[in-house]
Amino acid sequence: MHIDSDIRSMLLEEAARINRPEFIASDPVQFPRRFEDVRDIEIAALLTATISWGKRTMILKSADRMMSLLDNQPYQYMMDKGYEDLDSDLNIHRTFFARNLQWYLRGLRELYSRYGNLDAFSKSIGAGEKDAPAWYLVEQMMKILTDANSGNTDSRCLPSNLKTTALKRINMALRWLVRDDGIVDMGVWTSIPKKKLYIPLDVHVGNTARNLGLITRKQADRKSAEEITEVARVIKPDDPALLDYALFGIGIGE
């Protein structure tokens, strides 16, 4: 695959411009970064990523409110089943309600009870050995979370259409947990190598990639995520998700 040298240079420059400590304060990554225990970090990352759609200012307000609901102790709150005391109709973010949060935490509690933390679970199922770790991880998580919720699924938390979904929010959470350059992302996981990460594809990232001629597909789906990640791996084979910063940040905050 040939990528124009000017585009390659521009993407790397943009990634370096956005991937700086100053970026944290305006990004949802700030919420998992509040914690030191890997269990708190993982839970905060998953939940924050889950509500990361819409206006960024609203996402940040909603995530801050959600962390307060969890007593700013995500793991302990989950293990104490604090979520069962919530009004299921409490709105957390747009179409995400307390009933969705309850589904997620009820299932995660079972997973953590068995494996200790999500990284250990990921390692136990060999997610890092798969070509598409995020999709395999969700497939295996869904089994435990569904069983813990009496056979009920919740697409607000984890998509079930794994053959087509771009898994934007899970791929974003994995970028936070896996990338280890010590700038914005936290790099607290060892179960998945960063070279196996995928670009968290949303409408904006997809439009940027198309405008640059990197992809041609119009859908923000799994195939498009695979295509843009293939491009990113040509530019940064050891760290393709770095290019997420460029594709997100082009034209922002010049």
C-alpha atoms as a PDB file:
ATOM      1  CA  MET A   1       0.000   0.000   0.000  1.00  0.00           C
ATOM      2  CA  HIS A   2       1.425   3.374  -1.045  1.00  0.00           C
ATOM      3  CA  ILE A   3       0.727   6.428   1.099  1.00  0.00           C
ATOM      4  CA  ASP A   4       1.773   9.854  -0.127  1.00  0.00           C
ATOM      5  CA  SER A   5       4.813  11.043   1.810  1.00  0.00           C
ATOM      6  CA  ASP A   6       3.234  14.456   2.492  1.00  0.00           C
ATOM      7  CA  ILE A   7       0.125  12.842   3.980  1.00  0.00           C
ATOM      8  CA  ARG A   8       2.257  10.468   6.014  1.00  0.00           C
ATOM      9  CA  SER A   9       4.303  13.361   7.425  1.00  0.00           C
ATOM     10  CA  MET A  10       1.218  15.463   8.107  1.00  0.00           C
ATOM     11  CA  LEU A  11      -0.481  12.638  10.014  1.00  0.00           C
ATOM     12  CA  LEU A  12       2.558  12.039  12.200  1.00  0.00           C
ATOM     13  CA  GLU A  13       2.929  15.768  12.882  1.00  0.00           C
ATOM     14  CA  GLU A  14      -0.750  16.093  13.791  1.00  0.00           C
ATOM     15  CA  ALA A  15      -0.548  13.067  16.064  1.00  0.00           C
ATOM     16  CA  ALA A  16       2.392  14.629  17.890  1.00  0.00           C
ATOM     17  CA  ARG A  17       0.533  17.950  18.180  1.00  0.00           C
ATOM     18  CA  ILE A  18      -2.554  16.407  19.791  1.00  0.00           C
ATOM     19  CA  ASN A  19      -0.903  13.619  21.819  1.00  0.00           C
ATOM     20  CA  ARG A  20       0.306  15.908  24.592  1.00  0.00           C
ATOM     21  CA  PRO A  21      -0.525  16.189  28.304  1.00  0.00           C
ATOM     22  CA  GLU A  22      -2.542  19.342  27.631  1.00  0.00           C
ATOM     23  CA  PHE A  23      -5.063  17.252  25.702  1.00  0.00           C
ATOM     24  CA  ILE A  24      -6.140  15.304  28.801  1.00  0.00           C
ATOM     25  CA  ALA A  25      -8.216  18.071  30.391  1.00  0.00           C
ATOM     26  CA  SER A  26     -10.562  18.278  27.389  1.00  0.00           C
ATOM     27  CA  ASP A  27     -10.885  14.534  26.768  1.00  0.00           C
ATOM     28  CA  PRO A  28     -12.820  11.697  28.449  1.00  0.00           C
ATOM     29  CA  VAL A  29      -9.491   9.953  29.155  1.00  0.00           C
ATOM     30  CA  GLN A  30      -9.240  12.239  32.196  1.00  0.00           C
ATOM     31  CA  PHE A  31     -11.716  10.038  34.103  1.00  0.00           C
ATOM     32  CA  PRO A  32      -9.838   6.713  34.136  1.00  0.00           C
ATOM     33  CA  ARG A  33      -6.683   8.749  34.738  1.00  0.00           C
ATOM     34  CA  ARG A  34      -8.092   9.816  38.109  1.00  0.00           C
ATOM     35  CA  PHE A  35      -7.325   6.374  39.524  1.00  0.00           C
ATOM     36  CA  GLU A  36      -4.253   4.302  40.345  1.00  0.00           C
ATOM     37  CA  ASP A  37      -5.717   0.834  40.925  1.00  0.00           C
ATOM     38  CA  VAL A  38      -5.964  -0.998  37.593  1.00  0.00           C
ATOM     39  CA  ARG A  39      -9.458  -2.221  38.506  1.00  0.00           C
ATOM     40  CA  ASP A  40     -10.727   1.332  38.993  1.00  0.00           C
ATOM     41  CA  ILE A  41      -8.963   2.432  35.805  1.00  0.00           C
ATOM     42  CA  GLU A  42     -10.524  -0.364  33.746  1.00  0.00           C
ATOM     43  CA  ILE A  43     -14.059   0.179  35.010  1.00  0.00           C
ATOM     44  CA  ALA A  44     -13.831   3.955  34.610  1.00  0.00           C
ATOM     45  CA  ALA A  45     -12.414   3.499  31.105  1.00  0.00           C
ATOM     46  CA  LEU A  46     -15.196   1.141  30.006  1.00  0.00           C
ATOM     47  CA  LEU A  47     -18.007   3.206  31.471  1.00  0.00           C
ATOM     48  CA  THR A  48     -16.641   6.530  30.249  1.00  0.00           C
ATOM     49  CA  ALA A  49     -16.050   5.190  26.754  1.00  0.00           C
ATOM     50  CA  THR A  50     -19.567   3.752  26.754  1.00  0.00           C
ATOM     51  CA  ILE A  51     -21.119   7.211  27.083  1.00  0.00           C
ATOM     52  CA  SER A  52     -18.636   8.945  24.781  1.00  0.00           C
ATOM     53  CA  TRP A  53     -20.926  10.031  21.998  1.00  0.00           C
ATOM     54  CA  GLY A  54     -22.367  13.458  21.251  1.00  0.00           C
ATOM     55  CA  LYS A  55     -20.980  16.830  22.291  1.00  0.00           C
ATOM     56  CA  ARG A  56     -17.715  16.558  24.180  1.00  0.00           C
ATOM     57  CA  THR A  57     -18.759  19.091  26.813  1.00  0.00           C
ATOM     58  CA  MET A  58     -21.843  17.000  27.560  1.00  0.00           C
ATOM     59  CA  ILE A  59     -19.795  13.789  27.662  1.00  0.00           C
ATOM     60  CA  LEU A  60     -17.438  15.297  30.228  1.00  0.00           C
ATOM     61  CA  LYS A  61     -20.296  16.527  32.429  1.00  0.00           C
ATOM     62  CA  SER A  62     -22.083  13.174  32.230  1.00  0.00           C
ATOM     63  CA  ALA A  63     -18.923  11.186  32.969  1.00  0.00           C
ATOM     64  CA  ASP A  64     -18.113  13.356  35.964  1.00  0.00           C
ATOM     65  CA  ARG A  65     -21.643  12.856  37.289  1.00  0.00           C
ATOM     66  CA  MET A  66     -21.384   9.111  36.702  1.00  0.00           C
ATOM     67  CA  MET A  67     -18.107   8.882  38.648  1.00  0.00           C
ATOM     68  CA  SER A  68     -19.842  10.686  41.521  1.00  0.00           C
ATOM     69  CA  LEU A  69     -22.653   8.112  41.384  1.00  0.00           C
ATOM     70  CA  LEU A  70     -19.960   5.462  41.837  1.00  0.00           C
ATOM     71  CA  ASP A  71     -18.672   7.332  44.926  1.00  0.00           C
ATOM     72  CA  ASN A  72     -15.483   7.900  42.904  1.00  0.00           C
ATOM     73  CA  GLN A  73     -14.587   4.310  43.799  1.00  0.00           C
ATOM     74  CA  PRO A  74     -15.730   2.312  40.758  1.00  0.00           C
ATOM     75  CA  TYR A  75     -14.405  -1.088  41.807  1.00  0.00           C
ATOM     76  CA  GLN A  76     -15.549  -0.952  45.436  1.00  0.00           C
ATOM     77  CA  TYR A  77     -18.933   0.468  44.456  1.00  0.00           C
ATOM     78  CA  MET A  78     -19.393  -2.368  41.982  1.00  0.00           C
ATOM     79  CA  MET A  79     -18.345  -5.092  44.393  1.00  0.00           C
ATOM     80  CA  ASP A  80     -20.646  -3.644  47.100  1.00  0.00           C
ATOM     81  CA  LYS A  81     -23.547  -3.766  44.576  1.00  0.00           C
ATOM     82  CA  GLY A  82     -24.221  -0.067  45.096  1.00  0.00           C
ATOM     83  CA  TYR A  83     -25.752   0.032  41.631  1.00  0.00           C
ATOM     84  CA  GLU A  84     -28.770  -1.975  42.826  1.00  0.00           C
ATOM     85  CA  ASP A  85     -29.900   1.035  44.868  1.00  0.00           C
ATOM     86  CA  LEU A  86     -30.140   3.320  41.836  1.00  0.00           C
ATOM     87  CA  ASP A  87     -33.434   4.388  40.299  1.00  0.00           C
ATOM     88  CA  SER A  88     -33.334   2.466  37.029  1.00  0.00           C
ATOM     89  CA  ASP A  89     -34.900   5.429  35.212  1.00  0.00           C
ATOM     90  CA  LEU A  90     -32.168   7.850  36.293  1.00  0.00           C
ATOM     91  CA  ASN A  91     -30.714   9.469  33.189  1.00  0.00           C
ATOM     92  CA  ILE A  92     -26.928   9.362  32.986  1.00  0.00           C
ATOM     93  CA  HIS A  93     -26.168  10.469  29.425  1.00  0.00           C
ATOM     94  CA  ARG A  94     -28.637  11.004  26.611  1.00  0.00           C
ATOM     95  CA  THR A  95     -30.183   7.542  26.025  1.00  0.00           C
ATOM     96  CA  PHE A  96     -28.003   5.815  28.648  1.00  0.00           C
ATOM     97  CA  PHE A  97     -29.832   5.280  31.933  1.00  0.00           C
ATOM     98  CA  ALA A  98     -29.102   3.758  35.325  1.00  0.00           C
ATOM     99  CA  ARG A  99     -30.671   0.497  34.138  1.00  0.00           C
ATOM    100  CA  ASN A 100     -27.920   0.273  31.524  1.00  0.00           C
ATOM    101  CA  LEU A 101     -25.280   1.034  34.135  1.00  0.00           C
ATOM    102  CA  GLN A 102     -26.791  -1.637  36.379  1.00  0.00           C
ATOM    103  CA  TRP A 103     -26.611  -4.216  33.590  1.00  0.00           C
ATOM    104  CA  TYR A 104     -22.959  -3.398  32.944  1.00  0.00           C
ATOM    105  CA  LEU A 105     -21.828  -3.383  36.569  1.00  0.00           C
ATOM    106  CA  ARG A 106     -23.794  -6.509  37.465  1.00  0.00           C
ATOM    107  CA  GLY A 107     -22.009  -8.364  34.687  1.00  0.00           C
ATOM    108  CA  LEU A 108     -18.600  -6.853  35.362  1.00  0.00           C
ATOM    109  CA  ARG A 109     -18.923  -7.795  39.028  1.00  0.00           C
ATOM    110  CA  GLU A 110     -19.232 -11.432  38.010  1.00  0.00           C
ATOM    111  CA  LEU A 111     -16.263 -11.127  35.665  1.00  0.00           C
ATOM    112  CA  TYR A 112     -14.072  -9.457  38.316  1.00  0.00           C
ATOM    113  CA  SER A 113     -15.129 -12.019  40.917  1.00  0.00           C
ATOM    114  CA  ARG A 114     -13.825 -14.766  38.650  1.00  0.00           C
ATOM    115  CA  TYR A 115     -10.708 -13.183  37.149  1.00  0.00           C
ATOM    116  CA  GLY A 116      -9.641 -10.320  39.416  1.00  0.00           C
ATOM    117  CA  ASN A 117      -9.484  -7.703  36.685  1.00  0.00           C
ATOM    118  CA  LEU A 118     -10.263  -7.260  33.012  1.00  0.00           C
ATOM    119  CA  ASP A 119      -6.644  -7.467  31.877  1.00  0.00           C
ATOM    120  CA  ALA A 120      -6.359 -10.887  33.522  1.00  0.00           C
ATOM    121  CA  PHE A 121      -9.564 -11.969  31.788  1.00  0.00           C
ATOM    122  CA  SER A 122      -8.234 -10.704  28.456  1.00  0.00           C
ATOM    123  CA  LYS A 123      -5.036 -12.650  29.026  1.00  0.00           C
ATOM    124  CA  SER A 124      -6.902 -15.818  30.014  1.00  0.00           C
ATOM    125  CA  ILE A 125      -8.865 -15.868  26.735  1.00  0.00           C
ATOM    126  CA  GLY A 126      -5.823 -15.002  24.614  1.00  0.00           C
ATOM    127  CA  ALA A 127      -7.323 -11.774  23.251  1.00  0.00           C
ATOM    128  CA  GLY A 128      -3.881 -10.411  22.415  1.00  0.00           C
ATOM    129  CA  GLU A 129      -3.202 -13.358  20.120  1.00  0.00           C
ATOM    130  CA  LYS A 130      -6.245 -12.622  17.965  1.00  0.00           C
ATOM    131  CA  ASP A 131      -6.203 -10.496  14.818  1.00  0.00           C
ATOM    132  CA  ALA A 132      -9.065  -8.376  16.167  1.00  0.00           C
ATOM    133  CA  PRO A 133      -8.669  -8.320  19.955  1.00  0.00           C
ATOM    134  CA  ALA A 134     -11.479  -5.845  20.688  1.00  0.00           C
ATOM    135  CA  TRP A 135     -14.148  -7.868  18.906  1.00  0.00           C
ATOM    136  CA  TYR A 136     -13.022 -11.136  20.475  1.00  0.00           C
ATOM    137  CA  LEU A 137     -12.848  -9.543  23.916  1.00  0.00           C
ATOM    138  CA  VAL A 138     -16.414  -8.234  23.617  1.00  0.00           C
ATOM    139  CA  GLU A 139     -17.664 -11.587  22.333  1.00  0.00           C
ATOM    140  CA  GLN A 140     -16.240 -13.354  25.376  1.00  0.00           C
ATOM    141  CA  MET A 141     -17.277 -10.636  27.829  1.00  0.00           C
ATOM    142  CA  MET A 142     -20.821 -10.758  26.511  1.00  0.00           C
ATOM    143  CA  LYS A 143     -21.179 -14.383  27.560  1.00  0.00           C
ATOM    144  CA  ILE A 144     -20.394 -13.614  31.197  1.00  0.00           C
ATOM    145  CA  LEU A 145     -22.286 -10.326  31.340  1.00  0.00           C
ATOM    146  CA  THR A 146     -25.378 -11.820  29.717  1.00  0.00           C
ATOM    147  CA  ASP A 147     -25.429 -14.790  32.099  1.00  0.00           C
ATOM    148  CA  ALA A 148     -25.084 -12.420  35.059  1.00  0.00           C
ATOM    149  CA  ASN A 149     -28.149 -10.545  33.800  1.00  0.00           C
ATOM    150  CA  SER A 150     -30.482 -13.540  33.483  1.00  0.00           C
ATOM    151  CA  GLY A 151     -29.789 -13.952  29.792  1.00  0.00           C
ATOM    152  CA  ASN A 152     -30.491 -10.323  28.872  1.00  0.00           C
ATOM    153  CA  THR A 153     -28.186  -8.333  26.604  1.00  0.00           C
ATOM    154  CA  ASP A 154     -27.819  -4.547  26.475  1.00  0.00           C
ATOM    155  CA  SER A 155     -26.650  -2.950  23.257  1.00  0.00           C
ATOM    156  CA  ARG A 156     -26.213   0.395  25.032  1.00  0.00           C
ATOM    157  CA  CYS A 157     -23.293  -1.215  26.838  1.00  0.00           C
ATOM    158  CA  LEU A 158     -21.865  -3.800  24.436  1.00  0.00           C
ATOM    159  CA  PRO A 159     -22.916  -4.143  20.773  1.00  0.00           C
ATOM    160  CA  SER A 160     -24.025  -7.598  19.699  1.00  0.00           C
ATOM    161  CA  ASN A 161     -23.586  -7.061  15.951  1.00  0.00           C
ATOM    162  CA  LEU A 162     -19.886  -7.885  16.080  1.00  0.00           C
ATOM    163  CA  LYS A 163     -19.594  -8.709  12.381  1.00  0.00           C
ATOM    164  CA  THR A 164     -20.479  -5.159  11.411  1.00  0.00           C
ATOM    165  CA  THR A 165     -19.872  -2.779  14.337  1.00  0.00           C
ATOM    166  CA  ALA A 166     -16.721  -0.642  14.342  1.00  0.00           C
ATOM    167  CA  LEU A 167     -16.632  -1.003  18.158  1.00  0.00           C
ATOM    168  CA  LYS A 168     -15.514   2.594  18.401  1.00  0.00           C
ATOM    169  CA  ARG A 169     -15.995   2.944  22.141  1.00  0.00           C
ATOM    170  CA  ILE A 170     -14.301  -0.312  23.117  1.00  0.00           C
ATOM    171  CA  ASN A 171     -11.401   0.399  20.759  1.00  0.00           C
ATOM    172  CA  MET A 172     -11.051   3.818  22.387  1.00  0.00           C
ATOM    173  CA  ALA A 173     -11.006   2.294  25.867  1.00  0.00           C
ATOM    174  CA  LEU A 174      -8.378  -0.200  24.721  1.00  0.00           C
ATOM    175  CA  ARG A 175      -6.253   2.618  23.345  1.00  0.00           C
ATOM    176  CA  TRP A 176      -6.316   4.215  26.784  1.00  0.00           C
ATOM    177  CA  LEU A 177      -5.482   0.938  28.533  1.00  0.00           C
ATOM    178  CA  VAL A 178      -2.852  -0.448  26.144  1.00  0.00           C
ATOM    179  CA  ARG A 179      -0.850   2.401  24.567  1.00  0.00           C
ATOM    180  CA  ASP A 180       2.170   3.013  26.758  1.00  0.00           C
ATOM    181  CA  ASP A 181       3.966   6.139  25.553  1.00  0.00           C
ATOM    182  CA  GLY A 182       3.222   7.783  28.912  1.00  0.00           C
ATOM    183  CA  ILE A 183       1.647  10.927  27.488  1.00  0.00           C
ATOM    184  CA  VAL A 184      -2.156  10.656  27.308  1.00  0.00           C
ATOM    185  CA  ASP A 185      -2.890   6.932  27.233  1.00  0.00           C
ATOM    186  CA  MET A 186      -2.189   4.956  30.391  1.00  0.00           C
ATOM    187  CA  GLY A 187      -0.612   1.702  29.222  1.00  0.00           C
ATOM    188  CA  VAL A 188      -1.699  -0.352  32.239  1.00  0.00           C
ATOM    189  CA  TRP A 189      -2.460  -3.550  30.289  1.00  0.00           C
ATOM    190  CA  THR A 190      -0.100  -6.335  29.251  1.00  0.00           C
ATOM    191  CA  SER A 191      -2.583  -8.731  27.618  1.00  0.00           C
ATOM    192  CA  ILE A 192      -2.813  -6.980  24.235  1.00  0.00           C
ATOM    193  CA  PRO A 193       0.175  -5.573  22.305  1.00  0.00           C
ATOM    194  CA  LYS A 194      -0.335  -2.039  21.024  1.00  0.00           C
ATOM    195  CA  LYS A 195       0.464  -3.138  17.476  1.00  0.00           C
ATOM    196  CA  LYS A 196      -2.840  -5.074  17.578  1.00  0.00           C
ATOM    197  CA  LEU A 197      -4.963  -2.021  18.415  1.00  0.00           C
ATOM    198  CA  TYR A 198      -7.524  -0.649  15.962  1.00  0.00           C
ATOM    199  CA  ILE A 199      -8.428   2.953  15.186  1.00  0.00           C
ATOM    200  CA  PRO A 200     -11.573   3.957  17.139  1.00  0.00           C
ATOM    201  CA  LEU A 201     -13.660   4.811  14.091  1.00  0.00           C
ATOM    202  CA  ASP A 202     -16.510   7.300  14.346  1.00  0.00           C
ATOM    203  CA  VAL A 203     -18.152   9.597  11.808  1.00  0.00           C
ATOM    204  CA  HIS A 204     -15.590  12.401  12.222  1.00  0.00           C
ATOM    205  CA  VAL A 205     -12.566  10.108  11.961  1.00  0.00           C
ATOM    206  CA  GLY A 206     -14.119   8.392   8.960  1.00  0.00           C
ATOM    207  CA  ASN A 207     -14.783  11.699   7.209  1.00  0.00           C
ATOM    208  CA  THR A 208     -11.215  12.839   7.838  1.00  0.00           C
ATOM    209  CA  ALA A 209      -9.832   9.579   6.446  1.00  0.00           C
ATOM    210  CA  ARG A 210     -12.019   9.846   3.351  1.00  0.00           C
ATOM    211  CA  ASN A 211     -11.072  13.485   2.773  1.00  0.00           C
ATOM    212  CA  LEU A 212      -7.429  12.429   2.809  1.00  0.00           C
ATOM    213  CA  GLY A 213      -8.112   9.582   0.393  1.00  0.00           C
ATOM    214  CA  LEU A 214      -7.139   6.939   2.936  1.00  0.00           C
ATOM    215  CA  ILE A 215     -10.414   5.021   2.656  1.00  0.00           C
ATOM    216  CA  THR A 216     -13.366   5.116   0.274  1.00  0.00           C
ATOM    217  CA  ARG A 217     -16.124   3.324   2.208  1.00  0.00           C
ATOM    218  CA  LYS A 218     -18.859   5.633   3.491  1.00  0.00           C
ATOM    219  CA  GLN A 219     -20.041   3.451   6.374  1.00  0.00           C
ATOM    220  CA  ALA A 220     -18.560   3.828   9.841  1.00  0.00           C
ATOM    221  CA  ASP A 221     -18.515   0.053  10.254  1.00  0.00           C
ATOM    222  CA  ARG A 222     -16.095  -2.736  11.059  1.00  0.00           C
ATOM    223  CA  LYS A 223     -14.763  -3.029   7.524  1.00  0.00           C
ATOM    224  CA  SER A 224     -13.974   0.689   7.442  1.00  0.00           C
ATOM    225  CA  ALA A 225     -12.271   0.395  10.837  1.00  0.00           C
ATOM    226  CA  GLU A 226     -10.171  -2.449   9.449  1.00  0.00           C
ATOM    227  CA  GLU A 227      -9.278  -0.454   6.342  1.00  0.00           C
ATOM    228  CA  ILE A 228      -8.208   2.710   8.170  1.00  0.00           C
ATOM    229  CA  THR A 229      -6.244   0.624  10.679  1.00  0.00           C
ATOM    230  CA  GLU A 230      -4.456  -1.123   7.810  1.00  0.00           C
ATOM    231  CA  VAL A 231      -3.391   2.313   6.585  1.00  0.00           C
ATOM    232  CA  ALA A 232      -2.269   3.279  10.088  1.00  0.00           C
ATOM    233  CA  ARG A 233      -0.195   0.098  10.332  1.00  0.00           C
ATOM    234  CA  VAL A 234       1.666   1.018   7.158  1.00  0.00           C
ATOM    235  CA  ILE A 235       2.635   4.340   8.741  1.00  0.00           C
ATOM    236  CA  LYS A 236       3.180   3.091  12.329  1.00  0.00           C
ATOM    237  CA  PRO A 237       3.314  -0.727  12.301  1.00  0.00           C
ATOM    238  CA  ASP A 238       4.237  -0.922  15.979  1.00  0.00           C
ATOM    239  CA  ASP A 239       1.668   1.647  17.140  1.00  0.00           C
ATOM    240  CA  PRO A 240      -1.189   2.185  14.663  1.00  0.00           C
ATOM    241  CA  ALA A 241      -3.591   3.707  17.197  1.00  0.00           C
ATOM    242  CA  LEU A 242      -1.285   6.726  17.513  1.00  0.00           C
ATOM    243  CA  LEU A 243      -2.826   7.889  14.247  1.00  0.00           C
ATOM    244  CA  ASP A 244      -6.195   8.200  15.985  1.00  0.00           C
ATOM    245  CA  TYR A 245      -4.897  11.474  17.423  1.00  0.00           C
ATOM    246  CA  ALA A 246      -4.173  12.800  13.944  1.00  0.00           C
ATOM    247  CA  LEU A 247      -7.463  11.697  12.401  1.00  0.00           C
ATOM    248  CA  PHE A 248      -9.370  13.160  15.339  1.00  0.00           C
ATOM    249  CA  GLY A 249      -7.301  16.312  15.660  1.00  0.00           C
ATOM    250  CA  ILE A 250      -6.810  17.607  12.115  1.00  0.00           C
ATOM    251  CA  GLY A 251      -8.227  21.114  11.999  1.00  0.00           C
ATOM    252  CA  ILE A 252      -8.767  21.300  15.761  1.00  0.00           C
ATOM    253  CA  GLY A 253      -7.023  23.882  17.907  1.00  0.00           C
ATOM    254  CA  GLU A 254      -4.560  25.164  15.332  1.00  0.00           C
END
